[in-house]
Structures are given as structure tokens and as C-alpha cells.
Amino acid sequence: MSAKVKIYTLSTCSHCTQAKDFLDERNVAYDPVSVDFMSGDERTQVLDTLRKLNPAITFPTIVIGEKVIVGFRREEIEAALKEADIETEVKAPTWQQP
């Protein structure tokens, strides 16, 4: 079963890293798509798909269920996760774990 969450990113994008960290902290499974590591037909196909979701092709572009979120927007991500019935569990910081 594929993840209900897909995130299109660039390796140099700090907002992309923040978005992935945000999802990781909540134990949300997602399919990461690192666009800048792709080439040829694969990259062309991904950019065509991304253009349909986000015509400006900006990063991160996060797809949660049927919802598309452009940029790292905590509240929108949380609402979309809830709407898509994706369970989240905030991890305790490592310094608080026994």
C-alpha cells in the first residue's frame, strides 16, 4: 500500500526539510520525491505531474489524500492529515526519552 502522503522536494530547500521533519516527528509515512535528484524522462514526468498540482512548481508541494499544500504550512498539514484520517503521534524529543 502506498503512502497517502507525497512530498515533492528539492535537496537545497530548507522549507522542504522542515516539512519532512514535521511529518517524521508525527510518525506519518510519506513518499518523498526529490526532484533535483531525477533526470531524463523520470524528471520530465514528475515535473508534468507537479505542474498539474502546483502550476508555479514551488517547493515543498505536499499531497495529503486529495489536498495539495504548497509550502510548509503546519496548520494546513495538520488539518489535511486529520481530514484524510491519517493518524499522527508526536514523538517525544530524544532528550526526554529514558
PDB file of N, CA and C in Angstrom:
ATOM      1  N   MET A   1       0.850  -1.189   0.000  1.00  0.00           N
ATOM      2  CA  MET A   1       0.000   0.000   0.000  1.00  0.00           C
ATOM      3  C   MET A   1       0.886   1.240   0.000  1.00  0.00           C
ATOM      4  N   SER A   2       0.615   2.156  -0.883  1.00  0.00           N
ATOM      5  CA  SER A   2       1.437   3.360  -0.944  1.00  0.00           C
ATOM      6  C   SER A   2       0.968   4.372   0.099  1.00  0.00           C
ATOM      7  N   ALA A   3       1.852   5.252   0.451  1.00  0.00           N
ATOM      8  CA  ALA A   3       1.533   6.274   1.436  1.00  0.00           C
ATOM      9  C   ALA A   3       0.455   7.204   0.896  1.00  0.00           C
ATOM     10  N   LYS A   4      -0.386   7.703   1.805  1.00  0.00           N
ATOM     11  CA  LYS A   4      -1.407   8.672   1.428  1.00  0.00           C
ATOM     12  C   LYS A   4      -0.809  10.067   1.322  1.00  0.00           C
ATOM     13  N   VAL A   5       0.453  10.183   1.707  1.00  0.00           N
ATOM     14  CA  VAL A   5       1.127  11.478   1.707  1.00  0.00           C
ATOM     15  C   VAL A   5       2.323  11.405   0.761  1.00  0.00           C
ATOM     16  N   LYS A   6       2.416  12.405  -0.104  1.00  0.00           N
ATOM     17  CA  LYS A   6       3.556  12.502  -1.016  1.00  0.00           C
ATOM     18  C   LYS A   6       4.088  13.921  -0.889  1.00  0.00           C
ATOM     19  N   ILE A   7       5.404  14.044  -0.855  1.00  0.00           N
ATOM     20  CA  ILE A   7       6.009  15.369  -0.737  1.00  0.00           C
ATOM     21  C   ILE A   7       7.075  15.527  -1.816  1.00  0.00           C
ATOM     22  N   TYR A   8       6.903  16.561  -2.631  1.00  0.00           N
ATOM     23  CA  TYR A   8       7.855  16.899  -3.695  1.00  0.00           C
ATOM     24  C   TYR A   8       8.823  17.922  -3.118  1.00  0.00           C
ATOM     25  N   THR A   9      10.120  17.617  -3.211  1.00  0.00           N
ATOM     26  CA  THR A   9      11.123  18.457  -2.565  1.00  0.00           C
ATOM     27  C   THR A   9      12.339  18.703  -3.452  1.00  0.00           C
ATOM     28  N   LEU A  10      13.152  19.646  -2.984  1.00  0.00           N
ATOM     29  CA  LEU A  10      14.497  19.869  -3.513  1.00  0.00           C
ATOM     30  C   LEU A  10      15.460  19.674  -2.344  1.00  0.00           C
ATOM     31  N   SER A  11      16.622  19.141  -2.601  1.00  0.00           N
ATOM     32  CA  SER A  11      17.581  18.870  -1.527  1.00  0.00           C
ATOM     33  C   SER A  11      18.082  20.146  -0.852  1.00  0.00           C
ATOM     34  N   THR A  12      18.049  21.264  -1.550  1.00  0.00           N
ATOM     35  CA  THR A  12      18.559  22.531  -1.011  1.00  0.00           C
ATOM     36  C   THR A  12      17.474  23.389  -0.358  1.00  0.00           C
ATOM     37  N   CYS A  13      16.263  22.879  -0.277  1.00  0.00           N
ATOM     38  CA  CYS A  13      15.104  23.646   0.205  1.00  0.00           C
ATOM     39  C   CYS A  13      14.922  23.460   1.710  1.00  0.00           C
ATOM     40  N   SER A  14      15.141  24.523   2.483  1.00  0.00           N
ATOM     41  CA  SER A  14      15.013  24.418   3.940  1.00  0.00           C
ATOM     42  C   SER A  14      13.568  24.175   4.369  1.00  0.00           C
ATOM     43  N   HIS A  15      12.603  24.745   3.651  1.00  0.00           N
ATOM     44  CA  HIS A  15      11.191  24.518   3.982  1.00  0.00           C
ATOM     45  C   HIS A  15      10.807  23.060   3.720  1.00  0.00           C
ATOM     46  N   CYS A  16      11.426  22.451   2.725  1.00  0.00           N
ATOM     47  CA  CYS A  16      11.196  21.029   2.435  1.00  0.00           C
ATOM     48  C   CYS A  16      11.685  20.180   3.602  1.00  0.00           C
ATOM     49  N   THR A  17      12.859  20.496   4.106  1.00  0.00           N
ATOM     50  CA  THR A  17      13.421  19.771   5.245  1.00  0.00           C
ATOM     51  C   THR A  17      12.528  19.932   6.462  1.00  0.00           C
ATOM     52  N   GLN A  18      12.040  21.150   6.697  1.00  0.00           N
ATOM     53  CA  GLN A  18      11.145  21.391   7.828  1.00  0.00           C
ATOM     54  C   GLN A  18       9.860  20.576   7.686  1.00  0.00           C
ATOM     55  N   ALA A  19       9.316  20.513   6.485  1.00  0.00           N
ATOM     56  CA  ALA A  19       8.081  19.758   6.253  1.00  0.00           C
ATOM     57  C   ALA A  19       8.304  18.267   6.500  1.00  0.00           C
ATOM     58  N   LYS A  20       9.414  17.732   5.997  1.00  0.00           N
ATOM     59  CA  LYS A  20       9.710  16.312   6.221  1.00  0.00           C
ATOM     60  C   LYS A  20       9.938  16.035   7.709  1.00  0.00           C
ATOM     61  N   ASP A  21      10.658  16.920   8.397  1.00  0.00           N
ATOM     62  CA  ASP A  21      10.877  16.762   9.837  1.00  0.00           C
ATOM     63  C   ASP A  21       9.547  16.788  10.590  1.00  0.00           C
ATOM     64  N   PHE A  22       8.657  17.690  10.184  1.00  0.00           N
ATOM     65  CA  PHE A  22       7.332  17.817  10.794  1.00  0.00           C
ATOM     66  C   PHE A  22       6.561  16.499  10.671  1.00  0.00           C
ATOM     67  N   LEU A  23       6.584  15.900   9.478  1.00  0.00           N
ATOM     68  CA  LEU A  23       5.901  14.622   9.260  1.00  0.00           C
ATOM     69  C   LEU A  23       6.590  13.499  10.031  1.00  0.00           C
ATOM     70  N   ASP A  24       7.922  13.491  10.025  1.00  0.00           N
ATOM     71  CA  ASP A  24       8.679  12.472  10.762  1.00  0.00           C
ATOM     72  C   ASP A  24       8.372  12.528  12.261  1.00  0.00           C
ATOM     73  N   GLU A  25       8.303  13.743  12.813  1.00  0.00           N
ATOM     74  CA  GLU A  25       8.029  13.918  14.242  1.00  0.00           C
ATOM     75  C   GLU A  25       6.661  13.372  14.623  1.00  0.00           C
ATOM     76  N   ARG A  26       5.764  13.265  13.657  1.00  0.00           N
ATOM     77  CA  ARG A  26       4.407  12.782  13.895  1.00  0.00           C
ATOM     78  C   ARG A  26       4.204  11.343  13.420  1.00  0.00           C
ATOM     79  N   ASN A  27       5.302  10.687  13.073  1.00  0.00           N
ATOM     80  CA  ASN A  27       5.253   9.293  12.599  1.00  0.00           C
ATOM     81  C   ASN A  27       4.335   9.113  11.396  1.00  0.00           C
ATOM     82  N   VAL A  28       4.321  10.073  10.504  1.00  0.00           N
ATOM     83  CA  VAL A  28       3.499   9.997   9.299  1.00  0.00           C
ATOM     84  C   VAL A  28       4.343   9.408   8.170  1.00  0.00           C
ATOM     85  N   ALA A  29       3.861   8.314   7.596  1.00  0.00           N
ATOM     86  CA  ALA A  29       4.546   7.713   6.444  1.00  0.00           C
ATOM     87  C   ALA A  29       4.277   8.576   5.219  1.00  0.00           C
ATOM     88  N   TYR A  30       5.304   8.800   4.426  1.00  0.00           N
ATOM     89  CA  TYR A  30       5.125   9.602   3.217  1.00  0.00           C
ATOM     90  C   TYR A  30       6.072   9.122   2.134  1.00  0.00           C
ATOM     91  N   ASP A  31       5.712   9.472   0.917  1.00  0.00           N
ATOM     92  CA  ASP A  31       6.520   9.126  -0.248  1.00  0.00           C
ATOM     93  C   ASP A  31       7.293  10.378  -0.653  1.00  0.00           C
ATOM     94  N   PRO A  32       8.598  10.432  -0.391  1.00  0.00           N
ATOM     95  CA  PRO A  32       9.379  11.614  -0.763  1.00  0.00           C
ATOM     96  C   PRO A  32       9.792  11.555  -2.232  1.00  0.00           C
ATOM     97  N   VAL A  33       9.648  12.683  -2.912  1.00  0.00           N
ATOM     98  CA  VAL A  33      10.061  12.777  -4.311  1.00  0.00           C
ATOM     99  C   VAL A  33      11.079  13.908  -4.400  1.00  0.00           C
ATOM    100  N   SER A  34      12.349  13.561  -4.485  1.00  0.00           N
ATOM    101  CA  SER A  34      13.431  14.546  -4.558  1.00  0.00           C
ATOM    102  C   SER A  34      13.668  14.897  -6.023  1.00  0.00           C
ATOM    103  N   VAL A  35      13.031  15.952  -6.464  1.00  0.00           N
ATOM    104  CA  VAL A  35      13.010  16.313  -7.879  1.00  0.00           C
ATOM    105  C   VAL A  35      14.407  16.602  -8.422  1.00  0.00           C
ATOM    106  N   ASP A  36      15.258  17.238  -7.630  1.00  0.00           N
ATOM    107  CA  ASP A  36      16.577  17.610  -8.145  1.00  0.00           C
ATOM    108  C   ASP A  36      17.527  16.423  -8.301  1.00  0.00           C
ATOM    109  N   PHE A  37      17.156  15.261  -7.798  1.00  0.00           N
ATOM    110  CA  PHE A  37      17.981  14.071  -7.991  1.00  0.00           C
ATOM    111  C   PHE A  37      17.527  13.238  -9.183  1.00  0.00           C
ATOM    112  N   MET A  38      16.507  13.708  -9.873  1.00  0.00           N
ATOM    113  CA  MET A  38      15.979  12.975 -11.026  1.00  0.00           C
ATOM    114  C   MET A  38      16.544  13.555 -12.310  1.00  0.00           C
ATOM    115  N   SER A  39      16.478  12.758 -13.365  1.00  0.00           N
ATOM    116  CA  SER A  39      16.925  13.246 -14.670  1.00  0.00           C
ATOM    117  C   SER A  39      16.113  12.563 -15.762  1.00  0.00           C
ATOM    118  N   GLY A  40      16.240  13.093 -16.962  1.00  0.00           N
ATOM    119  CA  GLY A  40      15.623  12.484 -18.131  1.00  0.00           C
ATOM    120  C   GLY A  40      14.114  12.397 -18.065  1.00  0.00           C
ATOM    121  N   ASP A  41      13.584  11.292 -18.589  1.00  0.00           N
ATOM    122  CA  ASP A  41      12.139  11.094 -18.665  1.00  0.00           C
ATOM    123  C   ASP A  41      11.482  11.064 -17.294  1.00  0.00           C
ATOM    124  N   GLU A  42      12.172  10.481 -16.317  1.00  0.00           N
ATOM    125  CA  GLU A  42      11.606  10.416 -14.968  1.00  0.00           C
ATOM    126  C   GLU A  42      11.353  11.826 -14.432  1.00  0.00           C
ATOM    127  N   ARG A  43      12.340  12.701 -14.581  1.00  0.00           N
ATOM    128  CA  ARG A  43      12.194  14.084 -14.110  1.00  0.00           C
ATOM    129  C   ARG A  43      11.094  14.800 -14.877  1.00  0.00           C
ATOM    130  N   THR A  44      11.035  14.606 -16.200  1.00  0.00           N
ATOM    131  CA  THR A  44      10.010  15.242 -17.030  1.00  0.00           C
ATOM    132  C   THR A  44       8.618  14.815 -16.580  1.00  0.00           C
ATOM    133  N   GLN A  45       8.436  13.526 -16.330  1.00  0.00           N
ATOM    134  CA  GLN A  45       7.132  13.021 -15.892  1.00  0.00           C
ATOM    135  C   GLN A  45       6.744  13.585 -14.531  1.00  0.00           C
ATOM    136  N   VAL A  46       7.691  13.628 -13.611  1.00  0.00           N
ATOM    137  CA  VAL A  46       7.410  14.161 -12.279  1.00  0.00           C
ATOM    138  C   VAL A  46       7.077  15.649 -12.361  1.00  0.00           C
ATOM    139  N   LEU A  47       7.814  16.406 -13.159  1.00  0.00           N
ATOM    140  CA  LEU A  47       7.527  17.835 -13.301  1.00  0.00           C
ATOM    141  C   LEU A  47       6.170  18.068 -13.957  1.00  0.00           C
ATOM    142  N   ASP A  48       5.779  17.220 -14.901  1.00  0.00           N
ATOM    143  CA  ASP A  48       4.447  17.330 -15.507  1.00  0.00           C
ATOM    144  C   ASP A  48       3.359  17.099 -14.460  1.00  0.00           C
ATOM    145  N   THR A  49       3.552  16.088 -13.631  1.00  0.00           N
ATOM    146  CA  THR A  49       2.600  15.813 -12.550  1.00  0.00           C
ATOM    147  C   THR A  49       2.569  16.970 -11.569  1.00  0.00           C
ATOM    148  N   LEU A  50       3.738  17.454 -11.186  1.00  0.00           N
ATOM    149  CA  LEU A  50       3.836  18.559 -10.239  1.00  0.00           C
ATOM    150  C   LEU A  50       3.179  19.820 -10.789  1.00  0.00           C
ATOM    151  N   ARG A  51       3.355  20.088 -12.067  1.00  0.00           N
ATOM    152  CA  ARG A  51       2.764  21.271 -12.701  1.00  0.00           C
ATOM    153  C   ARG A  51       1.233  21.239 -12.609  1.00  0.00           C
ATOM    154  N   LYS A  52       0.643  20.051 -12.690  1.00  0.00           N
ATOM    155  CA  LYS A  52      -0.813  19.919 -12.563  1.00  0.00           C
ATOM    156  C   LYS A  52      -1.264  20.206 -11.131  1.00  0.00           C
ATOM    157  N   LEU A  53      -0.448  19.823 -10.165  1.00  0.00           N
ATOM    158  CA  LEU A  53      -0.773  20.044  -8.759  1.00  0.00           C
ATOM    159  C   LEU A  53      -0.484  21.472  -8.320  1.00  0.00           C
ATOM    160  N   ASN A  54       0.596  22.032  -8.839  1.00  0.00           N
ATOM    161  CA  ASN A  54       1.103  23.335  -8.416  1.00  0.00           C
ATOM    162  C   ASN A  54       1.742  23.999  -9.634  1.00  0.00           C
ATOM    163  N   PRO A  55       0.943  24.747 -10.412  1.00  0.00           N
ATOM    164  CA  PRO A  55       1.451  25.327 -11.660  1.00  0.00           C
ATOM    165  C   PRO A  55       2.724  26.165 -11.506  1.00  0.00           C
ATOM    166  N   ALA A  56       2.955  26.736 -10.336  1.00  0.00           N
ATOM    167  CA  ALA A  56       4.159  27.542 -10.121  1.00  0.00           C
ATOM    168  C   ALA A  56       5.396  26.665  -9.898  1.00  0.00           C
ATOM    169  N   ILE A  57       5.186  25.380  -9.653  1.00  0.00           N
ATOM    170  CA  ILE A  57       6.260  24.426  -9.353  1.00  0.00           C
ATOM    171  C   ILE A  57       7.192  24.985  -8.270  1.00  0.00           C
ATOM    172  N   THR A  58       6.614  25.195  -7.099  1.00  0.00           N
ATOM    173  CA  THR A  58       7.388  25.643  -5.946  1.00  0.00           C
ATOM    174  C   THR A  58       7.439  24.509  -4.920  1.00  0.00           C
ATOM    175  N   PHE A  59       8.373  24.622  -3.997  1.00  0.00           N
ATOM    176  CA  PHE A  59       8.636  23.528  -3.063  1.00  0.00           C
ATOM    177  C   PHE A  59       8.582  23.999  -1.622  1.00  0.00           C
ATOM    178  N   PRO A  60       8.179  23.120  -0.716  1.00  0.00           N
ATOM    179  CA  PRO A  60       7.662  21.786  -0.974  1.00  0.00           C
ATOM    180  C   PRO A  60       6.231  21.835  -1.496  1.00  0.00           C
ATOM    181  N   THR A  61       5.866  20.833  -2.240  1.00  0.00           N
ATOM    182  CA  THR A  61       4.476  20.601  -2.611  1.00  0.00           C
ATOM    183  C   THR A  61       4.100  19.290  -1.944  1.00  0.00           C
ATOM    184  N   ILE A  62       3.092  19.361  -1.086  1.00  0.00           N
ATOM    185  CA  ILE A  62       2.699  18.214  -0.278  1.00  0.00           C
ATOM    186  C   ILE A  62       1.294  17.790  -0.684  1.00  0.00           C
ATOM    187  N   VAL A  63       1.130  16.510  -0.967  1.00  0.00           N
ATOM    188  CA  VAL A  63      -0.178  15.968  -1.318  1.00  0.00           C
ATOM    189  C   VAL A  63      -0.595  15.025  -0.196  1.00  0.00           C
ATOM    190  N   ILE A  64      -1.717  15.367   0.436  1.00  0.00           N
ATOM    191  CA  ILE A  64      -2.259  14.548   1.522  1.00  0.00           C
ATOM    192  C   ILE A  64      -3.670  14.164   1.116  1.00  0.00           C
ATOM    193  N   GLY A  65      -3.855  12.902   0.784  1.00  0.00           N
ATOM    194  CA  GLY A  65      -5.145  12.475   0.247  1.00  0.00           C
ATOM    195  C   GLY A  65      -5.407  13.226  -1.048  1.00  0.00           C
ATOM    196  N   GLU A  66      -6.471  14.017  -1.074  1.00  0.00           N
ATOM    197  CA  GLU A  66      -6.818  14.819  -2.253  1.00  0.00           C
ATOM    198  C   GLU A  66      -6.372  16.276  -2.117  1.00  0.00           C
ATOM    199  N   LYS A  67      -5.808  16.629  -0.977  1.00  0.00           N
ATOM    200  CA  LYS A  67      -5.437  18.019  -0.683  1.00  0.00           C
ATOM    201  C   LYS A  67      -3.996  18.294  -1.097  1.00  0.00           C
ATOM    202  N   VAL A  68      -3.788  19.436  -1.755  1.00  0.00           N
ATOM    203  CA  VAL A  68      -2.443  19.869  -2.151  1.00  0.00           C
ATOM    204  C   VAL A  68      -2.077  21.096  -1.317  1.00  0.00           C
ATOM    205  N   ILE A  69      -0.942  21.029  -0.663  1.00  0.00           N
ATOM    206  CA  ILE A  69      -0.451  22.140   0.154  1.00  0.00           C
ATOM    207  C   ILE A  69       0.886  22.573  -0.427  1.00  0.00           C
ATOM    208  N   VAL A  70       0.980  23.849  -0.739  1.00  0.00           N
ATOM    209  CA  VAL A  70       2.212  24.397  -1.303  1.00  0.00           C
ATOM    210  C   VAL A  70       2.914  25.186  -0.207  1.00  0.00           C
ATOM    211  N   GLY A  71       4.133  24.796   0.097  1.00  0.00           N
ATOM    212  CA  GLY A  71       4.882  25.437   1.166  1.00  0.00           C
ATOM    213  C   GLY A  71       4.719  24.667   2.465  1.00  0.00           C
ATOM    214  N   PHE A  72       5.492  25.050   3.449  1.00  0.00           N
ATOM    215  CA  PHE A  72       5.418  24.401   4.762  1.00  0.00           C
ATOM    216  C   PHE A  72       4.449  25.186   5.624  1.00  0.00           C
ATOM    217  N   ARG A  73       3.222  24.675   5.725  1.00  0.00           N
ATOM    218  CA  ARG A  73       2.157  25.318   6.489  1.00  0.00           C
ATOM    219  C   ARG A  73       1.635  24.313   7.521  1.00  0.00           C
ATOM    220  N   ARG A  74       2.143  24.437   8.747  1.00  0.00           N
ATOM    221  CA  ARG A  74       1.834  23.463   9.804  1.00  0.00           C
ATOM    222  C   ARG A  74       0.341  23.214   9.972  1.00  0.00           C
ATOM    223  N   GLU A  75      -0.426  24.290  10.125  1.00  0.00           N
ATOM    224  CA  GLU A  75      -1.851  24.149  10.404  1.00  0.00           C
ATOM    225  C   GLU A  75      -2.576  23.460   9.251  1.00  0.00           C
ATOM    226  N   GLU A  76      -2.229  23.813   8.024  1.00  0.00           N
ATOM    227  CA  GLU A  76      -2.859  23.179   6.862  1.00  0.00           C
ATOM    228  C   GLU A  76      -2.491  21.704   6.774  1.00  0.00           C
ATOM    229  N   ILE A  77      -1.254  21.384   7.075  1.00  0.00           N
ATOM    230  CA  ILE A  77      -0.814  19.986   7.046  1.00  0.00           C
ATOM    231  C   ILE A  77      -1.569  19.186   8.103  1.00  0.00           C
ATOM    232  N   GLU A  78      -1.646  19.722   9.327  1.00  0.00           N
ATOM    233  CA  GLU A  78      -2.362  19.025  10.399  1.00  0.00           C
ATOM    234  C   GLU A  78      -3.825  18.816  10.034  1.00  0.00           C
ATOM    235  N   ALA A  79      -4.474  19.839   9.484  1.00  0.00           N
ATOM    236  CA  ALA A  79      -5.883  19.727   9.094  1.00  0.00           C
ATOM    237  C   ALA A  79      -6.064  18.693   7.987  1.00  0.00           C
ATOM    238  N   ALA A  80      -5.169  18.686   7.016  1.00  0.00           N
ATOM    239  CA  ALA A  80      -5.269  17.729   5.906  1.00  0.00           C
ATOM    240  C   ALA A  80      -5.039  16.300   6.393  1.00  0.00           C
ATOM    241  N   LEU A  81      -4.113  16.109   7.322  1.00  0.00           N
ATOM    242  CA  LEU A  81      -3.882  14.780   7.887  1.00  0.00           C
ATOM    243  C   LEU A  81      -5.134  14.282   8.600  1.00  0.00           C
ATOM    244  N   LYS A  82      -5.754  15.168   9.367  1.00  0.00           N
ATOM    245  CA  LYS A  82      -6.979  14.808  10.086  1.00  0.00           C
ATOM    246  C   LYS A  82      -8.096  14.487   9.097  1.00  0.00           C
ATOM    247  N   GLU A  83      -8.252  15.329   8.086  1.00  0.00           N
ATOM    248  CA  GLU A  83      -9.295  15.133   7.079  1.00  0.00           C
ATOM    249  C   GLU A  83      -9.108  13.810   6.326  1.00  0.00           C
ATOM    250  N   ALA A  84      -7.870  13.414   6.100  1.00  0.00           N
ATOM    251  CA  ALA A  84      -7.569  12.170   5.381  1.00  0.00           C
ATOM    252  C   ALA A  84      -7.534  10.957   6.320  1.00  0.00           C
ATOM    253  N   ASP A  85      -7.897  11.164   7.590  1.00  0.00           N
ATOM    254  CA  ASP A  85      -7.885  10.093   8.597  1.00  0.00           C
ATOM    255  C   ASP A  85      -6.515   9.428   8.732  1.00  0.00           C
ATOM    256  N   ILE A  86      -5.487  10.246   8.707  1.00  0.00           N
ATOM    257  CA  ILE A  86      -4.128   9.740   8.896  1.00  0.00           C
ATOM    258  C   ILE A  86      -3.736  10.004  10.348  1.00  0.00           C
ATOM    259  N   GLU A  87      -3.475   8.924  11.057  1.00  0.00           N
ATOM    260  CA  GLU A  87      -3.125   9.057  12.467  1.00  0.00           C
ATOM    261  C   GLU A  87      -1.740   9.670  12.621  1.00  0.00           C
ATOM    262  N   THR A  88      -1.631  10.511  13.620  1.00  0.00           N
ATOM    263  CA  THR A  88      -0.336  11.108  13.936  1.00  0.00           C
ATOM    264  C   THR A  88      -0.043  10.862  15.410  1.00  0.00           C
ATOM    265  N   GLU A  89       1.211  10.770  15.715  1.00  0.00           N
ATOM    266  CA  GLU A  89       1.647  10.593  17.092  1.00  0.00           C
ATOM    267  C   GLU A  89       2.933  11.385  17.238  1.00  0.00           C
ATOM    268  N   VAL A  90       2.857  12.463  17.988  1.00  0.00           N
ATOM    269  CA  VAL A  90       4.034  13.307  18.150  1.00  0.00           C
ATOM    270  C   VAL A  90       5.047  12.577  19.014  1.00  0.00           C
ATOM    271  N   LYS A  91       6.257  12.427  18.480  1.00  0.00           N
ATOM    272  CA  LYS A  91       7.339  11.775  19.217  1.00  0.00           C
ATOM    273  C   LYS A  91       7.879  12.723  20.275  1.00  0.00           C
ATOM    274  N   ALA A  92       8.224  12.160  21.415  1.00  0.00           N
ATOM    275  CA  ALA A  92       8.882  12.959  22.445  1.00  0.00           C
ATOM    276  C   ALA A  92      10.294  13.276  21.974  1.00  0.00           C
ATOM    277  N   PRO A  93      10.784  14.462  22.284  1.00  0.00           N
ATOM    278  CA  PRO A  93      12.174  14.771  21.927  1.00  0.00           C
ATOM    279  C   PRO A  93      13.108  13.734  22.541  1.00  0.00           C
ATOM    280  N   THR A  94      14.188  13.433  21.850  1.00  0.00           N
ATOM    281  CA  THR A  94      15.112  12.395  22.321  1.00  0.00           C
ATOM    282  C   THR A  94      15.686  12.710  23.694  1.00  0.00           C
ATOM    283  N   TRP A  95      15.808  13.967  24.025  1.00  0.00           N
ATOM    284  CA  TRP A  95      16.354  14.307  25.333  1.00  0.00           C
ATOM    285  C   TRP A  95      15.361  14.008  26.451  1.00  0.00           C
ATOM    286  N   GLN A  96      14.079  13.728  26.130  1.00  0.00           N
ATOM    287  CA  GLN A  96      13.085  13.392  27.146  1.00  0.00           C
ATOM    288  C   GLN A  96      12.872  11.891  27.269  1.00  0.00           C
ATOM    289  N   GLN A  97      13.414  11.121  26.360  1.00  0.00           N
ATOM    290  CA  GLN A  97      13.209   9.680  26.406  1.00  0.00           C
ATOM    291  C   GLN A  97      14.177   9.048  27.392  1.00  0.00           C
ATOM    292  N   PRO A  98      13.697   8.017  28.123  1.00  0.00           N
ATOM    293  CA  PRO A  98      14.573   7.376  29.124  1.00  0.00           C
ATOM    294  C   PRO A  98      15.724   6.648  28.482  1.00  0.00           C
TER     295      PRO A  98
END
